[in-house]
Protein backbone atom coordinates (compact mmCIF):
# COMPACT_ATOMS: atom_id res chain seq x y z
CA UNK A 1 1.23 25.17 -2.67
CA UNK A 2 2.67 26.28 -6.00
CA UNK A 3 2.05 23.89 -8.86
CA UNK A 4 5.83 23.64 -9.25
CA UNK A 5 6.38 22.34 -5.74
CA UNK A 6 6.45 18.56 -5.39
CA UNK A 7 3.50 17.03 -3.57
CA UNK A 8 4.19 15.67 -0.11
CA UNK A 9 4.67 11.95 -0.44
CA UNK A 10 2.26 9.83 1.52
CA UNK A 11 2.82 6.35 2.90
CA UNK A 12 0.45 3.84 4.46
CA UNK A 13 1.93 1.47 7.03
CA UNK A 14 -0.01 -1.60 8.15
CA UNK A 15 1.27 -2.85 11.50
CA UNK A 16 2.41 0.65 12.50
CA UNK A 17 2.23 -0.11 16.23
CA UNK A 18 4.80 -2.92 15.91
CA UNK A 19 8.58 -2.70 16.18
CA UNK A 20 9.23 -2.23 12.45
CA UNK A 21 6.18 -0.05 11.88
CA UNK A 22 7.21 2.41 14.57
CA UNK A 23 10.81 2.70 13.33
CA UNK A 24 9.61 3.04 9.72
CA UNK A 25 7.16 5.78 10.76
CA UNK A 26 10.02 7.63 12.51
CA UNK A 27 12.15 7.36 9.36
CA UNK A 28 9.44 8.41 6.88
CA UNK A 29 8.46 11.43 8.99
CA UNK A 30 12.12 12.49 8.95
CA UNK A 31 12.01 12.23 5.12
CA UNK A 32 9.04 14.61 5.06
CA UNK A 33 6.34 12.02 4.35
CA UNK A 34 2.76 12.21 5.47
CA UNK A 35 2.28 8.90 7.32
CA UNK A 36 -1.00 7.01 7.61
CA UNK A 37 -1.05 4.04 9.96
CA UNK A 38 -3.59 1.25 9.75
CA UNK A 39 -4.65 -0.14 13.10
CA UNK A 40 -6.90 -3.06 13.86
CA UNK A 41 -9.77 -2.41 16.24
CA UNK A 42 -8.73 -4.37 19.27
CA UNK A 43 -9.25 -4.28 23.02
CA UNK A 44 -5.49 -4.73 23.52
CA UNK A 45 -4.22 -2.03 21.16
CA UNK A 46 -0.86 -0.74 22.33
CA UNK A 47 0.37 2.67 21.15
CA UNK A 48 3.51 2.61 23.31
CA UNK A 49 5.96 2.36 20.39
CA UNK A 50 4.43 5.30 18.50
CA UNK A 51 3.40 7.49 21.47
CA UNK A 52 6.26 9.94 20.77
CA UNK A 53 5.02 10.61 17.20
CA UNK A 54 1.29 9.90 17.53
CA UNK A 55 0.32 13.54 16.98
CA UNK A 56 2.15 13.51 13.62
CA UNK A 57 0.40 10.38 12.31
CA UNK A 58 -3.01 9.77 10.76
CA UNK A 59 -4.31 6.53 12.29
CA UNK A 60 -7.14 4.72 10.52
CA UNK A 61 -9.01 1.52 11.38
CA UNK A 62 -8.61 -1.41 8.99
CA UNK A 63 -7.96 -5.13 8.94
CA UNK A 64 -6.03 -7.51 6.70
CA UNK A 65 -8.97 -9.91 7.07
CA UNK A 66 -11.28 -7.38 5.40
CA UNK A 67 -10.43 -6.32 1.85
CA UNK A 68 -13.21 -3.70 1.80
CA UNK A 69 -11.52 -1.82 4.64
CA UNK A 70 -8.24 -1.87 2.70
CA UNK A 71 -9.95 -0.53 -0.46
CA UNK A 72 -11.65 2.24 1.51
CA UNK A 73 -8.38 3.34 3.14
CA UNK A 74 -6.59 3.47 -0.23
CA UNK A 75 -9.46 5.43 -1.82
CA UNK A 76 -9.67 7.94 1.01
CA UNK A 77 -5.97 8.53 1.70
CA UNK A 78 -4.36 7.86 -1.71
CA UNK A 79 -0.90 6.81 -0.52
CA UNK A 80 2.04 6.70 -2.94
CA UNK A 81 3.59 3.82 -1.01
CA UNK A 82 2.19 0.99 1.11
CA UNK A 83 4.33 -0.93 3.59
CA UNK A 84 2.59 -4.15 4.57
CA UNK A 85 4.14 -5.00 7.94
CA UNK A 86 1.00 -6.32 9.65
CA UNK A 87 0.90 -10.06 10.30
CA UNK A 88 0.65 -12.67 13.00
CA UNK A 89 4.41 -12.45 13.33
CA UNK A 90 5.39 -14.79 16.16
CA UNK A 91 6.59 -18.23 15.05
CA UNK A 92 5.66 -20.00 18.30
CA UNK A 93 2.09 -18.64 18.17
CA UNK A 94 1.69 -19.92 14.60
CA UNK A 95 1.70 -23.50 15.91
CA UNK A 96 -1.22 -22.75 18.22
CA UNK A 97 -3.07 -20.53 15.72
CA UNK A 98 -2.16 -21.90 12.27
CA UNK A 99 -5.42 -20.89 10.56
CA UNK A 100 -5.36 -17.31 11.87
CA UNK A 101 -1.70 -17.10 10.84
CA UNK A 102 -2.65 -18.19 7.31
CA UNK A 103 -5.54 -15.71 7.15
CA UNK A 104 -3.44 -12.68 8.15
CA UNK A 105 0.12 -13.52 7.11
CA UNK A 106 -0.76 -15.24 3.81
CA UNK A 107 -4.22 -14.26 2.53
CA UNK A 108 -3.89 -10.79 4.08
CA UNK A 109 -1.17 -10.04 1.53
CA UNK A 110 -3.52 -11.00 -1.32
CA UNK A 111 -6.13 -8.60 0.01
CA UNK A 112 -3.60 -5.74 0.13
CA UNK A 113 -2.37 -6.50 -3.41
CA UNK A 114 -5.88 -6.78 -4.77
CA UNK A 115 -6.93 -3.53 -3.10
CA UNK A 116 -3.97 -1.75 -4.74
CA UNK A 117 -4.76 -3.32 -8.13
CA UNK A 118 -8.39 -2.20 -7.78
CA UNK A 119 -7.85 1.36 -6.50
CA UNK A 120 -4.54 2.50 -8.04
CA UNK A 121 -1.98 0.13 -9.62
CA UNK A 122 0.61 2.96 -9.46
CA UNK A 123 0.89 2.57 -5.67
CA UNK A 124 4.21 0.99 -4.72
CA UNK A 125 4.08 -1.90 -2.24
CA UNK A 126 6.64 -3.22 0.19
CA UNK A 127 5.84 -6.73 1.43
CA UNK A 128 7.51 -7.98 4.60
CA UNK A 129 8.89 -11.41 3.77
CA UNK A 130 10.97 -13.38 6.27
CA UNK A 131 14.08 -15.52 6.63
CA UNK A 132 11.77 -18.12 8.23
CA UNK A 133 10.78 -19.00 4.65
CA UNK A 134 14.19 -20.69 4.27
CA UNK A 135 13.57 -22.87 7.34
CA UNK A 136 15.38 -26.14 6.69
CA UNK A 137 18.05 -24.32 4.75
CA UNK A 138 19.08 -25.55 1.32
CA UNK A 139 22.31 -23.54 1.21
CA UNK A 140 24.41 -21.35 3.47
CA UNK A 141 24.31 -18.36 3.35
CA UNK A 142 20.79 -17.79 2.02
CA UNK A 143 20.28 -15.39 -0.87
CA UNK A 144 17.37 -14.31 -3.07
CA UNK A 145 17.63 -17.44 -5.23
CA UNK A 146 17.84 -19.96 -2.35
CA UNK A 147 14.87 -22.41 -2.40
CA UNK A 148 12.38 -22.07 0.44
CA UNK A 149 11.71 -24.89 2.91
CA UNK A 150 9.55 -23.37 5.70
CA UNK A 151 9.37 -25.19 9.03
CA UNK A 152 6.40 -23.53 10.74
CA UNK A 153 2.88 -22.36 9.83
CA UNK A 154 4.31 -18.82 10.00
CA UNK A 155 7.07 -19.67 7.53
CA UNK A 156 4.58 -21.37 5.18
CA UNK A 157 2.25 -18.34 5.33
CA UNK A 158 5.16 -16.00 4.57
CA UNK A 159 6.09 -18.10 1.51
CA UNK A 160 2.53 -17.68 0.22
CA UNK A 161 2.69 -13.92 0.83
CA UNK A 162 6.02 -13.76 -0.96
CA UNK A 163 4.90 -15.67 -4.05
CA UNK A 164 1.54 -13.92 -4.37
CA UNK A 165 3.45 -10.61 -4.38
CA UNK A 166 5.65 -11.86 -7.24
CA UNK A 167 2.50 -13.16 -8.98
CA UNK A 168 0.74 -9.78 -8.85
CA UNK A 169 3.93 -7.98 -9.87
CA UNK A 170 4.34 -10.14 -12.96
CA UNK A 171 0.64 -10.42 -13.83
CA UNK A 172 -0.50 -6.83 -13.24
CA UNK A 173 2.75 -4.85 -13.50
CA UNK A 174 2.60 -3.64 -9.88
CA UNK A 175 5.69 -2.07 -8.31
CA UNK A 176 5.68 -4.62 -5.49
CA UNK A 177 8.89 -5.69 -3.75
CA UNK A 178 9.50 -8.11 -0.91
CA UNK A 179 12.20 -7.69 1.69
CA UNK A 180 13.40 -11.08 2.94
CA UNK A 181 14.44 -9.74 6.32
CA UNK A 182 16.49 -11.84 8.67
CA UNK A 183 15.96 -11.44 12.42
CA UNK A 184 16.08 -7.81 13.45
CA UNK A 185 15.82 -6.69 17.03
CA UNK A 186 15.71 -3.52 19.13
CA UNK A 187 14.58 -2.21 22.50
CA UNK A 188 11.10 -2.04 20.91
CA UNK A 189 11.01 -5.81 20.24
CA UNK A 190 8.07 -7.63 21.81
CA UNK A 191 8.74 -9.53 25.05
CA UNK A 192 7.61 -12.79 23.43
CA UNK A 193 10.72 -12.81 21.18
CA UNK A 194 13.76 -14.60 22.58
CA UNK A 195 16.16 -11.67 22.24
CA UNK A 196 13.97 -9.27 24.20
CA UNK A 197 13.05 -12.02 26.64
CA UNK A 198 16.77 -12.36 27.37
CA UNK A 199 17.58 -8.63 27.63
CA UNK A 200 14.56 -8.02 29.88
CA UNK A 201 15.42 -10.98 32.12
CA UNK A 202 19.05 -9.87 32.44
CA UNK A 203 17.90 -6.45 33.65
CA UNK A 204 15.41 -7.99 36.10
CA UNK A 205 17.98 -10.44 37.46
CA UNK A 206 20.53 -7.66 37.95
CA UNK A 207 17.92 -5.63 39.84
CA UNK A 208 16.93 -8.62 42.00
CA UNK A 209 13.47 -8.92 40.44
CA UNK A 210 13.98 -12.38 38.91
CA UNK A 211 16.05 -15.50 39.71
CA UNK A 212 16.15 -17.64 36.57
CA UNK A 213 15.55 -17.46 32.82
CA UNK A 214 13.94 -20.45 31.07
CA UNK A 215 14.79 -20.82 27.37
CA UNK A 216 14.46 -23.42 24.60
CA UNK A 217 17.21 -24.40 22.19
CA UNK A 218 20.37 -22.44 23.11
CA UNK A 219 22.21 -23.76 20.07
CA UNK A 220 19.75 -22.28 17.52
CA UNK A 221 21.67 -19.85 15.32
CA UNK A 222 20.33 -16.65 13.81
CA UNK A 223 21.47 -13.66 11.81
CA UNK A 224 20.52 -10.74 14.09
CA UNK A 225 20.50 -7.10 12.98
CA UNK A 226 19.10 -3.82 14.27
CA UNK A 227 15.51 -3.02 13.24
CA UNK A 228 16.19 0.68 12.70
CA UNK A 229 18.83 -0.22 10.09
CA UNK A 230 16.44 -2.59 8.35
CA UNK A 231 13.51 -0.19 7.84
CA UNK A 232 15.75 2.00 5.70
CA UNK A 233 16.14 -0.95 3.32
CA UNK A 234 12.33 -1.17 3.01
CA UNK A 235 12.19 2.45 1.87
CA UNK A 236 15.13 2.07 -0.51
CA UNK A 237 13.37 -0.81 -2.30
CA UNK A 238 10.41 1.42 -3.18
CA UNK A 239 12.71 4.13 -4.57
CA UNK A 240 14.05 1.79 -7.29
CA UNK A 241 12.89 2.09 -10.89
CA UNK A 242 12.18 -1.63 -11.06
CA UNK A 243 10.66 -3.73 -8.25
CA UNK A 244 12.59 -6.76 -7.03
CA UNK A 245 13.14 -8.81 -3.88
CA UNK A 246 16.09 -8.42 -1.54
CA UNK A 247 17.64 -10.36 1.33
CA UNK A 248 18.35 -7.96 4.21
CA UNK A 249 20.78 -9.43 6.73
CA UNK A 250 24.14 -8.93 8.45
CA UNK A 251 25.86 -11.99 6.96
CA UNK A 252 26.89 -13.05 10.48
CA UNK A 253 25.40 -15.76 12.65
CA UNK A 254 25.23 -16.06 16.43
CA UNK A 255 23.65 -18.65 18.72
CA UNK A 256 21.05 -17.98 21.39
CA UNK A 257 23.75 -19.08 23.85
CA UNK A 258 26.08 -16.37 22.53
CA UNK A 259 23.28 -13.80 22.83
CA UNK A 260 22.84 -14.86 26.48
CA UNK A 261 26.56 -14.71 27.15
CA UNK A 262 26.85 -11.21 25.68
CA UNK A 263 23.71 -9.90 27.41
CA UNK A 264 24.54 -11.23 30.88
CA UNK A 265 28.20 -10.21 30.74
CA UNK A 266 27.15 -6.63 29.85
CA UNK A 267 25.85 -6.35 33.44
CA UNK A 268 28.75 -8.42 34.88
CA UNK A 269 26.75 -11.63 35.24
CA UNK A 270 27.44 -15.19 34.06
CA UNK A 271 24.54 -16.63 32.05
CA UNK A 272 25.37 -20.17 33.26
CA UNK A 273 24.24 -19.19 36.75
CA UNK A 274 20.76 -18.19 35.61
CA UNK A 275 19.69 -19.81 32.33
CA UNK A 276 17.80 -23.12 32.42
CA UNK A 277 16.58 -25.21 29.48
CA UNK A 278 12.82 -25.72 29.26
CA UNK A 279 11.20 -28.16 26.82
CA UNK A 280 8.10 -25.93 26.57
CA UNK A 281 10.08 -23.43 24.52
CA UNK A 282 11.37 -25.95 21.98
CA UNK A 283 9.79 -25.67 18.51
CA UNK A 284 8.08 -28.78 17.04
CA UNK A 285 10.41 -28.33 14.04
CA UNK A 286 13.59 -26.36 14.52
CA UNK A 287 15.03 -24.06 11.91
CA UNK A 288 18.63 -24.72 10.91
CA UNK A 289 21.41 -22.23 10.39
CA UNK A 290 19.86 -18.97 9.22
CA UNK A 291 22.43 -16.53 7.84
CA UNK A 292 21.71 -14.16 4.98
CA UNK A 293 23.79 -12.83 2.11
CA UNK A 294 22.99 -9.10 1.82
CA UNK A 295 25.37 -8.45 -1.08
CA UNK A 296 22.60 -7.77 -3.62
CA UNK A 297 20.99 -5.16 -1.35
CA UNK A 298 24.38 -3.60 -0.65
CA UNK A 299 25.21 -3.38 -4.35
CA UNK A 300 21.80 -2.43 -5.79
CA UNK A 301 20.28 -0.36 -2.96
CA UNK A 302 23.49 1.01 -1.45
CA UNK A 303 22.23 -0.34 1.90
CA UNK A 304 24.57 -1.23 4.74
CA UNK A 305 23.80 -2.09 8.32
CA UNK A 306 25.33 0.25 10.89
CA UNK A 307 24.84 -1.52 14.22
CA UNK A 308 26.80 -4.70 15.03
CA UNK A 309 25.85 -7.65 17.24
CA UNK A 310 27.61 -6.56 20.45
CA UNK A 311 26.23 -3.03 20.20
CA UNK A 312 22.72 -4.33 19.54
CA UNK A 313 22.71 -6.66 22.55
CA UNK A 314 24.19 -3.98 24.83
CA UNK A 315 21.62 -1.43 23.62
CA UNK A 316 18.73 -3.77 24.40
CA UNK A 317 19.98 -4.70 27.87
CA UNK A 318 20.72 -1.07 28.75
CA UNK A 319 17.26 0.07 27.60
CA UNK A 320 15.52 -2.58 29.72
CA UNK A 321 17.75 -1.88 32.70
CA UNK A 322 17.04 1.87 32.48
CA UNK A 323 13.28 1.34 32.17
CA UNK A 324 13.05 -1.13 35.06
CA UNK A 325 15.35 0.95 37.26
CA UNK A 326 13.15 4.01 36.82
CA UNK A 327 10.05 1.96 37.73
CA UNK A 328 11.39 0.72 41.08
CA UNK A 329 12.73 4.07 42.29
């Protein structure tokens, strides 16, 4: 390489095997990045979401519970950017595993920040914050200045992660930004999330593989966007001269009931014939009306979502229908 040619940029993604990690890896590879993915040693590791790009990635073992592993990865691979997407990211699970959620989703962020401060404070960090931090919402829509009122151990842990990022940014001058991402879905969403649970069930019901779908609160309202749109916002944040936090959302809200209606009708079914309410899926404390105001991100980052609600739901149902159809042939 000539000394006049720019060095290939390198990014480290924690949580690379998840929905967001896989889409972000796709995007960064397209931008010409060298991508390092941190994976936790686990007997249930699933590479399905990154199988199509696995040969282009450098995968390294590490754990948010172990700061030494984080320091070693940063020293060995010297990334320019770190995207911290790893967490215990399922709200329902956080009620059953509140301490583990705190260790990974809250203290894990401190370990990442401290590793960066120790190894190379010039590394830019993206921290995955969440609309769940708003919880019992204090204003509608929610923006960067809206006070937090988390309603689950997951939401509380995310608030800690958010504030410790601001703390390190202000105390040590790190280029660390948090994306307060509202719900973002895709065909790569885990089956434990309500949107994918619905799209998968619709496909199974249409194919005669399932009779009913049990859900919790159908009147819960969320701001749902497309994950592939949202990972671009993560990257844009780290390209800014100054770090700051951004709400990433669609600015629209839809109920779980509406998601069901749209998903079932896509395959010419009526959700009322199949959906049943089940108390087991109700949260101990429900989140109110989550809807984000993305105007700051649109103005400052030039970010805009491309995929709308109807298209997102249709895409998810079609993907599950195609996959299941091919399996039963």
